[in-house]
Amino acid sequence: MKKIVLIIGLLSLEMLQAQVAIGKETVDGDGILDFKPNTTNGILLPIIETLPTNAAEGTILMDKNDKVVKMKTDSEWISLSDPGSIDNVFFNTSTETPAQTNVIIGSATTTAPGVLVLEAADKALILPKVAAPHTSVKNPFPGMICYDTVSKTLAVFDGLKWSYWK
């Protein structure tokens, strides 16, 4: 019994400092969340109807009203794209009330609101790496973000076109 408790305790400590690799065996460097290289998949941002008032700095989302990808700074939301389109997006219109849960990677708890919270003092998100997403991703979804390995930029799809940020 003592061995089982010890093993569970050690695994719990390891999970507090977790690094997550998706589609590969290990995380590159000090990443907290890393993806398989040479893919045509990106991260899909949530499309939000009402901008959250308690969003943490660095929160990235797509605003459903003006169809713009935005990031929260210390005092305002800044645009990362031009107005796009969400014409091909199907939204859940049921009356269900979603649970107030989130996934936290890198910390046991957090005060930051969000669906996926990456919180670590010494690790960061490594975006999915896509070579020339404007030509290689055949059906990008509004709010998709990735790292373009050709132009060495952050690529954001707004539903109409790609925007690139250095």
N, C-alpha and C. Protein backbone atom coordinates (compact mmCIF):
# COMPACT_ATOMS: atom_id res chain seq x y z
N MET A 1 0.83 -1.20 0.00
CA MET A 1 0.00 0.00 0.00
C MET A 1 0.87 1.26 0.00
N LYS A 2 1.96 1.23 0.79
CA LYS A 2 2.85 2.39 0.85
C LYS A 2 3.48 2.66 -0.50
N LYS A 3 3.79 1.59 -1.25
CA LYS A 3 4.40 1.75 -2.57
C LYS A 3 3.42 2.42 -3.53
N ILE A 4 2.16 2.03 -3.45
CA ILE A 4 1.14 2.63 -4.33
C ILE A 4 0.98 4.11 -4.02
N VAL A 5 0.92 4.46 -2.75
CA VAL A 5 0.80 5.87 -2.36
C VAL A 5 2.02 6.65 -2.83
N LEU A 6 3.22 6.07 -2.69
CA LEU A 6 4.45 6.73 -3.13
C LEU A 6 4.46 6.95 -4.63
N ILE A 7 4.04 5.94 -5.39
CA ILE A 7 4.00 6.06 -6.85
C ILE A 7 2.99 7.12 -7.26
N ILE A 8 1.81 7.12 -6.67
CA ILE A 8 0.80 8.13 -7.00
C ILE A 8 1.32 9.52 -6.65
N GLY A 9 1.98 9.66 -5.50
CA GLY A 9 2.53 10.95 -5.10
C GLY A 9 3.58 11.45 -6.08
N LEU A 10 4.48 10.56 -6.53
CA LEU A 10 5.52 10.96 -7.48
C LEU A 10 4.91 11.35 -8.83
N LEU A 11 3.92 10.58 -9.28
CA LEU A 11 3.25 10.93 -10.54
C LEU A 11 2.53 12.28 -10.43
N SER A 12 1.94 12.55 -9.30
CA SER A 12 1.26 13.84 -9.10
C SER A 12 2.24 14.99 -9.16
N LEU A 13 3.41 14.83 -8.55
CA LEU A 13 4.43 15.89 -8.61
C LEU A 13 4.91 16.11 -10.03
N GLU A 14 5.06 15.03 -10.79
CA GLU A 14 5.48 15.15 -12.18
C GLU A 14 4.44 15.92 -13.00
N MET A 15 3.16 15.68 -12.73
CA MET A 15 2.10 16.35 -13.48
C MET A 15 2.06 17.84 -13.20
N LEU A 16 2.52 18.29 -12.05
CA LEU A 16 2.54 19.72 -11.74
C LEU A 16 3.47 20.48 -12.68
N GLN A 17 4.52 19.83 -13.12
CA GLN A 17 5.49 20.45 -14.02
C GLN A 17 5.34 19.88 -15.44
N ALA A 18 4.13 19.52 -15.81
CA ALA A 18 3.88 18.78 -17.05
C ALA A 18 4.25 19.56 -18.29
N GLN A 19 4.76 18.80 -19.24
CA GLN A 19 4.95 19.26 -20.60
C GLN A 19 4.13 18.31 -21.45
N VAL A 20 3.37 18.83 -22.40
CA VAL A 20 2.49 17.99 -23.19
C VAL A 20 2.91 18.04 -24.65
N ALA A 21 3.13 16.87 -25.23
CA ALA A 21 3.45 16.74 -26.65
C ALA A 21 2.24 16.13 -27.34
N ILE A 22 1.81 16.72 -28.44
CA ILE A 22 0.66 16.22 -29.19
C ILE A 22 1.15 15.74 -30.55
N GLY A 23 0.96 14.44 -30.81
CA GLY A 23 1.37 13.86 -32.08
C GLY A 23 2.85 13.54 -32.15
N LYS A 24 3.55 13.58 -31.02
CA LYS A 24 4.98 13.25 -30.98
C LYS A 24 5.34 12.77 -29.58
N GLU A 25 6.52 12.24 -29.43
CA GLU A 25 6.95 11.63 -28.17
C GLU A 25 7.34 12.65 -27.10
N THR A 26 8.09 13.68 -27.47
CA THR A 26 8.62 14.62 -26.47
C THR A 26 8.40 16.06 -26.90
N VAL A 27 8.49 16.93 -25.93
CA VAL A 27 8.35 18.37 -26.15
C VAL A 27 9.73 18.94 -26.49
N ASP A 28 9.78 19.85 -27.46
CA ASP A 28 11.03 20.52 -27.79
C ASP A 28 11.37 21.54 -26.71
N GLY A 29 12.60 21.51 -26.23
CA GLY A 29 13.09 22.51 -25.29
C GLY A 29 12.21 22.69 -24.08
N ASP A 30 11.94 23.94 -23.74
CA ASP A 30 11.17 24.28 -22.55
C ASP A 30 9.70 24.57 -22.87
N GLY A 31 9.17 23.95 -23.88
CA GLY A 31 7.77 24.16 -24.21
C GLY A 31 6.86 23.49 -23.19
N ILE A 32 5.71 24.09 -22.97
CA ILE A 32 4.72 23.50 -22.08
C ILE A 32 3.71 22.68 -22.90
N LEU A 33 3.48 23.11 -24.13
CA LEU A 33 2.57 22.42 -25.05
C LEU A 33 3.20 22.51 -26.43
N ASP A 34 3.41 21.36 -27.06
CA ASP A 34 4.12 21.31 -28.34
C ASP A 34 3.40 20.33 -29.27
N PHE A 35 3.52 20.57 -30.57
CA PHE A 35 2.80 19.80 -31.56
C PHE A 35 3.74 19.14 -32.55
N LYS A 36 3.26 18.10 -33.19
CA LYS A 36 4.00 17.37 -34.22
C LYS A 36 4.45 18.35 -35.32
N PRO A 37 5.71 18.25 -35.77
CA PRO A 37 6.18 19.15 -36.83
C PRO A 37 5.61 18.77 -38.20
N ASN A 38 5.74 19.68 -39.14
CA ASN A 38 5.36 19.45 -40.54
C ASN A 38 3.91 18.98 -40.67
N THR A 39 3.02 19.75 -40.09
CA THR A 39 1.60 19.41 -40.11
C THR A 39 0.85 20.48 -40.90
N THR A 40 -0.41 20.25 -41.13
CA THR A 40 -1.27 21.30 -41.69
C THR A 40 -2.39 21.62 -40.71
N ASN A 41 -2.19 21.24 -39.46
CA ASN A 41 -3.16 21.52 -38.40
C ASN A 41 -2.69 22.70 -37.56
N GLY A 42 -3.63 23.47 -37.07
CA GLY A 42 -3.30 24.58 -36.18
C GLY A 42 -4.17 24.53 -34.94
N ILE A 43 -4.04 25.54 -34.12
CA ILE A 43 -4.88 25.69 -32.95
C ILE A 43 -6.11 26.49 -33.37
N LEU A 44 -7.29 26.03 -32.98
CA LEU A 44 -8.53 26.76 -33.29
C LEU A 44 -8.90 27.59 -32.08
N LEU A 45 -8.96 28.88 -32.29
CA LEU A 45 -9.33 29.80 -31.22
C LEU A 45 -10.83 29.77 -30.99
N PRO A 46 -11.27 30.02 -29.77
CA PRO A 46 -12.72 30.12 -29.55
C PRO A 46 -13.29 31.35 -30.24
N ILE A 47 -14.48 31.22 -30.77
CA ILE A 47 -15.19 32.36 -31.38
C ILE A 47 -16.20 32.83 -30.33
N ILE A 48 -15.95 34.02 -29.79
CA ILE A 48 -16.67 34.53 -28.62
C ILE A 48 -17.64 35.64 -29.02
N GLU A 49 -18.88 35.55 -28.53
CA GLU A 49 -19.88 36.57 -28.83
C GLU A 49 -19.72 37.81 -27.96
N THR A 50 -19.35 37.63 -26.70
CA THR A 50 -19.15 38.75 -25.78
C THR A 50 -17.73 38.67 -25.23
N LEU A 51 -16.94 39.71 -25.46
CA LEU A 51 -15.57 39.71 -24.96
C LEU A 51 -15.57 39.62 -23.43
N PRO A 52 -14.78 38.71 -22.88
CA PRO A 52 -14.76 38.58 -21.42
C PRO A 52 -14.14 39.80 -20.75
N THR A 53 -14.74 40.23 -19.66
CA THR A 53 -14.24 41.41 -18.95
C THR A 53 -13.08 41.05 -18.02
N ASN A 54 -12.96 39.78 -17.67
CA ASN A 54 -11.90 39.37 -16.74
C ASN A 54 -10.79 38.60 -17.44
N ALA A 55 -10.61 38.79 -18.74
CA ALA A 55 -9.60 38.05 -19.49
C ALA A 55 -8.19 38.43 -19.04
N ALA A 56 -7.33 37.43 -18.96
CA ALA A 56 -5.93 37.66 -18.60
C ALA A 56 -5.17 38.22 -19.82
N GLU A 57 -4.12 38.99 -19.55
CA GLU A 57 -3.27 39.48 -20.64
C GLU A 57 -2.76 38.29 -21.44
N GLY A 58 -2.75 38.43 -22.76
CA GLY A 58 -2.29 37.36 -23.62
C GLY A 58 -3.40 36.45 -24.10
N THR A 59 -4.64 36.65 -23.63
CA THR A 59 -5.77 35.85 -24.10
C THR A 59 -5.99 36.14 -25.58
N ILE A 60 -6.15 35.10 -26.38
CA ILE A 60 -6.37 35.25 -27.82
C ILE A 60 -7.69 34.56 -28.16
N LEU A 61 -8.52 35.23 -28.97
CA LEU A 61 -9.82 34.69 -29.36
C LEU A 61 -10.25 35.33 -30.66
N MET A 62 -11.37 34.87 -31.21
CA MET A 62 -11.98 35.52 -32.37
C MET A 62 -13.30 36.11 -31.92
N ASP A 63 -13.49 37.39 -32.20
CA ASP A 63 -14.71 38.10 -31.84
C ASP A 63 -15.79 37.79 -32.87
N LYS A 64 -16.87 37.18 -32.44
CA LYS A 64 -17.96 36.78 -33.35
C LYS A 64 -18.63 37.99 -34.00
N ASN A 65 -18.67 39.12 -33.30
CA ASN A 65 -19.39 40.29 -33.81
C ASN A 65 -18.68 40.97 -34.97
N ASP A 66 -17.39 41.27 -34.81
CA ASP A 66 -16.70 41.94 -35.91
C ASP A 66 -15.79 41.01 -36.70
N LYS A 67 -15.78 39.71 -36.32
CA LYS A 67 -15.06 38.67 -37.05
C LYS A 67 -13.56 38.95 -37.14
N VAL A 68 -13.00 39.45 -36.02
CA VAL A 68 -11.59 39.79 -35.94
C VAL A 68 -10.92 38.95 -34.86
N VAL A 69 -9.73 38.43 -35.16
CA VAL A 69 -8.94 37.73 -34.14
C VAL A 69 -8.31 38.80 -33.26
N LYS A 70 -8.45 38.65 -31.93
CA LYS A 70 -8.00 39.68 -30.99
C LYS A 70 -7.15 39.08 -29.87
N MET A 71 -6.30 39.94 -29.30
CA MET A 71 -5.49 39.57 -28.15
C MET A 71 -5.67 40.63 -27.07
N LYS A 72 -5.78 40.17 -25.82
CA LYS A 72 -5.95 41.08 -24.68
C LYS A 72 -4.58 41.57 -24.23
N THR A 73 -4.44 42.89 -24.14
CA THR A 73 -3.25 43.49 -23.56
C THR A 73 -3.63 43.95 -22.16
N ASP A 74 -2.78 44.73 -21.53
CA ASP A 74 -3.07 45.14 -20.16
C ASP A 74 -4.36 45.94 -20.03
N SER A 75 -4.74 46.70 -21.05
CA SER A 75 -5.92 47.56 -20.90
C SER A 75 -6.92 47.48 -22.05
N GLU A 76 -6.60 46.74 -23.11
CA GLU A 76 -7.51 46.73 -24.26
C GLU A 76 -7.34 45.46 -25.09
N TRP A 77 -8.28 45.26 -25.99
CA TRP A 77 -8.20 44.18 -26.97
C TRP A 77 -7.59 44.76 -28.24
N ILE A 78 -6.53 44.15 -28.77
CA ILE A 78 -5.94 44.61 -30.03
C ILE A 78 -6.25 43.60 -31.13
N SER A 79 -6.41 44.08 -32.33
CA SER A 79 -6.74 43.23 -33.47
C SER A 79 -5.49 42.57 -34.02
N LEU A 80 -5.60 41.27 -34.32
CA LEU A 80 -4.51 40.53 -34.96
C LEU A 80 -4.85 40.19 -36.40
N SER A 81 -6.05 40.58 -36.83
CA SER A 81 -6.46 40.31 -38.21
C SER A 81 -7.42 41.40 -38.66
N ASP A 82 -7.66 41.44 -39.96
CA ASP A 82 -8.72 42.27 -40.50
C ASP A 82 -10.04 41.54 -40.27
N PRO A 83 -11.17 42.22 -40.49
CA PRO A 83 -12.44 41.50 -40.39
C PRO A 83 -12.48 40.33 -41.36
N GLY A 84 -12.90 39.19 -40.87
CA GLY A 84 -12.94 37.98 -41.69
C GLY A 84 -14.36 37.51 -41.90
N SER A 85 -14.54 36.21 -41.89
CA SER A 85 -15.85 35.62 -42.12
C SER A 85 -16.01 34.39 -41.23
N ILE A 86 -17.22 34.23 -40.73
CA ILE A 86 -17.55 33.00 -39.98
C ILE A 86 -18.77 32.34 -40.62
N ASP A 87 -18.96 32.59 -41.92
CA ASP A 87 -20.12 32.07 -42.64
C ASP A 87 -20.21 30.54 -42.60
N ASN A 88 -19.08 29.85 -42.61
CA ASN A 88 -19.08 28.39 -42.65
C ASN A 88 -18.97 27.75 -41.27
N VAL A 89 -19.17 28.54 -40.22
CA VAL A 89 -19.08 28.03 -38.85
C VAL A 89 -20.48 27.71 -38.35
N PHE A 90 -20.64 26.54 -37.74
CA PHE A 90 -21.91 26.15 -37.15
C PHE A 90 -21.77 26.24 -35.64
N PHE A 91 -22.61 27.04 -35.01
CA PHE A 91 -22.54 27.25 -33.57
C PHE A 91 -23.55 26.40 -32.85
N ASN A 92 -23.22 25.99 -31.64
CA ASN A 92 -24.12 25.24 -30.79
C ASN A 92 -25.20 26.21 -30.30
N THR A 93 -26.43 25.96 -30.65
CA THR A 93 -27.53 26.85 -30.26
C THR A 93 -28.44 26.21 -29.21
N SER A 94 -27.99 25.11 -28.61
CA SER A 94 -28.81 24.46 -27.60
C SER A 94 -28.87 25.33 -26.34
N THR A 95 -29.82 25.04 -25.49
CA THR A 95 -30.00 25.83 -24.27
C THR A 95 -29.21 25.27 -23.10
N GLU A 96 -28.34 24.31 -23.36
CA GLU A 96 -27.54 23.74 -22.28
C GLU A 96 -26.61 24.79 -21.69
N THR A 97 -26.32 24.65 -20.42
CA THR A 97 -25.39 25.55 -19.75
C THR A 97 -24.07 24.82 -19.58
N PRO A 98 -23.00 25.32 -20.22
CA PRO A 98 -21.73 24.62 -20.11
C PRO A 98 -21.16 24.72 -18.70
N ALA A 99 -20.43 23.70 -18.29
CA ALA A 99 -19.79 23.71 -16.98
C ALA A 99 -18.66 24.74 -16.98
N GLN A 100 -18.39 25.31 -15.82
CA GLN A 100 -17.32 26.28 -15.69
C GLN A 100 -16.02 25.56 -15.37
N THR A 101 -15.53 24.77 -16.33
CA THR A 101 -14.30 24.03 -16.13
C THR A 101 -13.28 24.48 -17.16
N ASN A 102 -12.02 24.19 -16.85
CA ASN A 102 -10.97 24.50 -17.79
C ASN A 102 -9.87 23.46 -17.66
N VAL A 103 -8.99 23.45 -18.63
CA VAL A 103 -7.83 22.58 -18.60
C VAL A 103 -6.63 23.46 -18.28
N ILE A 104 -5.86 23.06 -17.28
CA ILE A 104 -4.68 23.81 -16.87
C ILE A 104 -3.47 22.92 -17.12
N ILE A 105 -2.49 23.45 -17.82
CA ILE A 105 -1.23 22.72 -18.04
C ILE A 105 -0.11 23.57 -17.45
N GLY A 106 0.71 22.96 -16.62
CA GLY A 106 1.87 23.63 -16.05
C GLY A 106 1.71 24.05 -14.61
N SER A 107 0.50 23.98 -14.09
CA SER A 107 0.25 24.41 -12.71
C SER A 107 -0.89 23.56 -12.16
N ALA A 108 -0.90 23.40 -10.85
CA ALA A 108 -1.98 22.62 -10.22
C ALA A 108 -3.29 23.39 -10.22
N THR A 109 -3.22 24.71 -10.06
CA THR A 109 -4.41 25.56 -10.04
C THR A 109 -4.09 26.87 -10.76
N THR A 110 -5.12 27.64 -11.02
CA THR A 110 -4.93 28.94 -11.66
C THR A 110 -6.08 29.85 -11.29
N THR A 111 -5.84 31.14 -11.33
CA THR A 111 -6.91 32.11 -11.18
C THR A 111 -7.28 32.70 -12.54
N ALA A 112 -6.52 32.35 -13.58
CA ALA A 112 -6.79 32.87 -14.92
C ALA A 112 -8.01 32.19 -15.51
N PRO A 113 -8.95 32.97 -16.05
CA PRO A 113 -10.11 32.37 -16.70
C PRO A 113 -9.70 31.86 -18.09
N GLY A 114 -10.34 30.84 -18.54
CA GLY A 114 -10.07 30.34 -19.88
C GLY A 114 -10.39 28.87 -19.99
N VAL A 115 -10.58 28.41 -21.21
CA VAL A 115 -10.87 27.00 -21.47
C VAL A 115 -9.58 26.20 -21.36
N LEU A 116 -8.50 26.71 -21.94
CA LEU A 116 -7.19 26.08 -21.87
C LEU A 116 -6.23 27.12 -21.32
N VAL A 117 -5.68 26.86 -20.15
CA VAL A 117 -4.76 27.80 -19.51
C VAL A 117 -3.39 27.15 -19.41
N LEU A 118 -2.40 27.75 -20.06
CA LEU A 118 -1.02 27.30 -19.95
C LEU A 118 -0.34 28.26 -19.00
N GLU A 119 0.08 27.74 -17.84
CA GLU A 119 0.61 28.62 -16.82
C GLU A 119 1.89 28.03 -16.25
N ALA A 120 3.01 28.67 -16.56
CA ALA A 120 4.30 28.23 -16.06
C ALA A 120 5.26 29.42 -16.08
N ALA A 121 6.13 29.46 -15.10
CA ALA A 121 7.09 30.57 -15.02
C ALA A 121 8.24 30.41 -16.01
N ASP A 122 8.48 29.19 -16.49
CA ASP A 122 9.67 28.96 -17.32
C ASP A 122 9.38 28.16 -18.59
N LYS A 123 8.12 28.07 -19.01
CA LYS A 123 7.77 27.33 -20.22
C LYS A 123 6.74 28.12 -21.02
N ALA A 124 6.65 27.83 -22.32
CA ALA A 124 5.73 28.56 -23.18
C ALA A 124 5.08 27.62 -24.19
N LEU A 125 4.04 28.09 -24.83
CA LEU A 125 3.35 27.37 -25.89
C LEU A 125 4.25 27.36 -27.13
N ILE A 126 4.36 26.19 -27.74
CA ILE A 126 5.03 26.07 -29.04
C ILE A 126 3.92 25.82 -30.05
N LEU A 127 3.67 26.76 -30.93
CA LEU A 127 2.57 26.63 -31.89
C LEU A 127 2.82 25.50 -32.87
N PRO A 128 1.75 24.94 -33.44
CA PRO A 128 1.93 23.96 -34.51
C PRO A 128 2.71 24.61 -35.66
N LYS A 129 3.66 23.86 -36.20
CA LYS A 129 4.53 24.38 -37.27
C LYS A 129 3.98 23.94 -38.62
N VAL A 130 3.63 24.93 -39.46
CA VAL A 130 3.05 24.66 -40.77
C VAL A 130 3.85 25.43 -41.81
N ALA A 131 4.29 24.75 -42.85
CA ALA A 131 5.01 25.41 -43.94
C ALA A 131 4.00 26.07 -44.87
N ALA A 132 4.08 27.40 -45.00
CA ALA A 132 3.22 28.17 -45.91
C ALA A 132 1.74 27.80 -45.76
N PRO A 133 1.13 28.12 -44.62
CA PRO A 133 -0.26 27.70 -44.40
C PRO A 133 -1.24 28.21 -45.45
N HIS A 134 -0.97 29.35 -46.05
CA HIS A 134 -1.90 29.89 -47.06
C HIS A 134 -1.99 28.99 -48.29
N THR A 135 -1.00 28.13 -48.52
CA THR A 135 -1.09 27.19 -49.64
C THR A 135 -1.23 25.74 -49.18
N SER A 136 -0.73 25.40 -48.00
CA SER A 136 -0.74 24.00 -47.58
C SER A 136 -1.98 23.58 -46.78
N VAL A 137 -2.66 24.52 -46.12
CA VAL A 137 -3.86 24.18 -45.37
C VAL A 137 -5.05 24.36 -46.31
N LYS A 138 -5.65 23.26 -46.70
CA LYS A 138 -6.70 23.30 -47.73
C LYS A 138 -8.01 23.91 -47.26
N ASN A 139 -8.42 23.65 -46.04
CA ASN A 139 -9.68 24.17 -45.52
C ASN A 139 -9.48 24.76 -44.12
N PRO A 140 -8.80 25.90 -44.03
CA PRO A 140 -8.57 26.46 -42.69
C PRO A 140 -9.88 26.94 -42.07
N PHE A 141 -9.94 26.88 -40.75
CA PHE A 141 -11.12 27.27 -39.98
C PHE A 141 -10.90 28.67 -39.44
N PRO A 142 -11.92 29.52 -39.42
CA PRO A 142 -11.75 30.87 -38.83
C PRO A 142 -11.20 30.78 -37.40
N GLY A 143 -10.19 31.56 -37.13
CA GLY A 143 -9.57 31.56 -35.81
C GLY A 143 -8.41 30.58 -35.69
N MET A 144 -7.96 29.99 -36.79
CA MET A 144 -6.82 29.07 -36.74
C MET A 144 -5.53 29.86 -36.61
N ILE A 145 -4.63 29.40 -35.72
CA ILE A 145 -3.31 30.00 -35.61
C ILE A 145 -2.25 28.90 -35.67
N CYS A 146 -1.08 29.28 -36.22
CA CYS A 146 0.04 28.35 -36.31
C CYS A 146 1.31 29.18 -36.54
N TYR A 147 2.45 28.50 -36.57
CA TYR A 147 3.71 29.16 -36.88
C TYR A 147 4.10 28.76 -38.29
N ASP A 148 4.27 29.77 -39.17
CA ASP A 148 4.67 29.52 -40.56
C ASP A 148 6.18 29.33 -40.60
N THR A 149 6.62 28.11 -40.92
CA THR A 149 8.05 27.81 -40.93
C THR A 149 8.77 28.42 -42.12
N VAL A 150 8.04 28.84 -43.14
CA VAL A 150 8.68 29.45 -44.31
C VAL A 150 8.95 30.94 -44.05
N SER A 151 7.92 31.68 -43.63
CA SER A 151 8.09 33.12 -43.40
C SER A 151 8.56 33.43 -41.98
N LYS A 152 8.60 32.40 -41.11
CA LYS A 152 9.03 32.56 -39.71
C LYS A 152 8.15 33.57 -38.98
N THR A 153 6.82 33.42 -39.15
CA THR A 153 5.86 34.34 -38.54
C THR A 153 4.70 33.57 -37.90
N LEU A 154 3.95 34.27 -37.06
CA LEU A 154 2.70 33.76 -36.52
C LEU A 154 1.65 33.96 -37.61
N ALA A 155 0.95 32.90 -37.97
CA ALA A 155 -0.08 32.97 -39.01
C ALA A 155 -1.45 32.84 -38.36
N VAL A 156 -2.36 33.74 -38.72
CA VAL A 156 -3.72 33.79 -38.17
C VAL A 156 -4.70 33.81 -39.33
N PHE A 157 -5.68 32.88 -39.33
CA PHE A 157 -6.69 32.85 -40.38
C PHE A 157 -7.99 33.45 -39.85
N ASP A 158 -8.52 34.45 -40.55
CA ASP A 158 -9.72 35.16 -40.07
C ASP A 158 -11.01 34.69 -40.74
N GLY A 159 -10.93 33.63 -41.53
CA GLY A 159 -12.10 33.14 -42.24
C GLY A 159 -12.10 33.54 -43.70
N LEU A 160 -11.29 34.54 -44.05
CA LEU A 160 -11.16 34.98 -45.44
C LEU A 160 -9.72 34.87 -45.94
N LYS A 161 -8.78 35.33 -45.09
CA LYS A 161 -7.39 35.33 -45.50
C LYS A 161 -6.47 35.15 -44.29
N TRP A 162 -5.22 34.87 -44.57
CA TRP A 162 -4.20 34.72 -43.54
C TRP A 162 -3.55 36.06 -43.25
N SER A 163 -3.28 36.34 -41.98
CA SER A 163 -2.49 37.50 -41.55
C SER A 163 -1.22 36.94 -40.90
N TYR A 164 -0.10 37.64 -41.12
CA TYR A 164 1.18 37.16 -40.61
C TYR A 164 1.78 38.20 -39.69
N TRP A 165 2.28 37.75 -38.54
CA TRP A 165 2.85 38.63 -37.51
C TRP A 165 4.26 38.20 -37.19
N LYS A 166 5.18 39.17 -37.22
CA LYS A 166 6.57 38.91 -36.81
C LYS A 166 6.73 39.25 -35.36
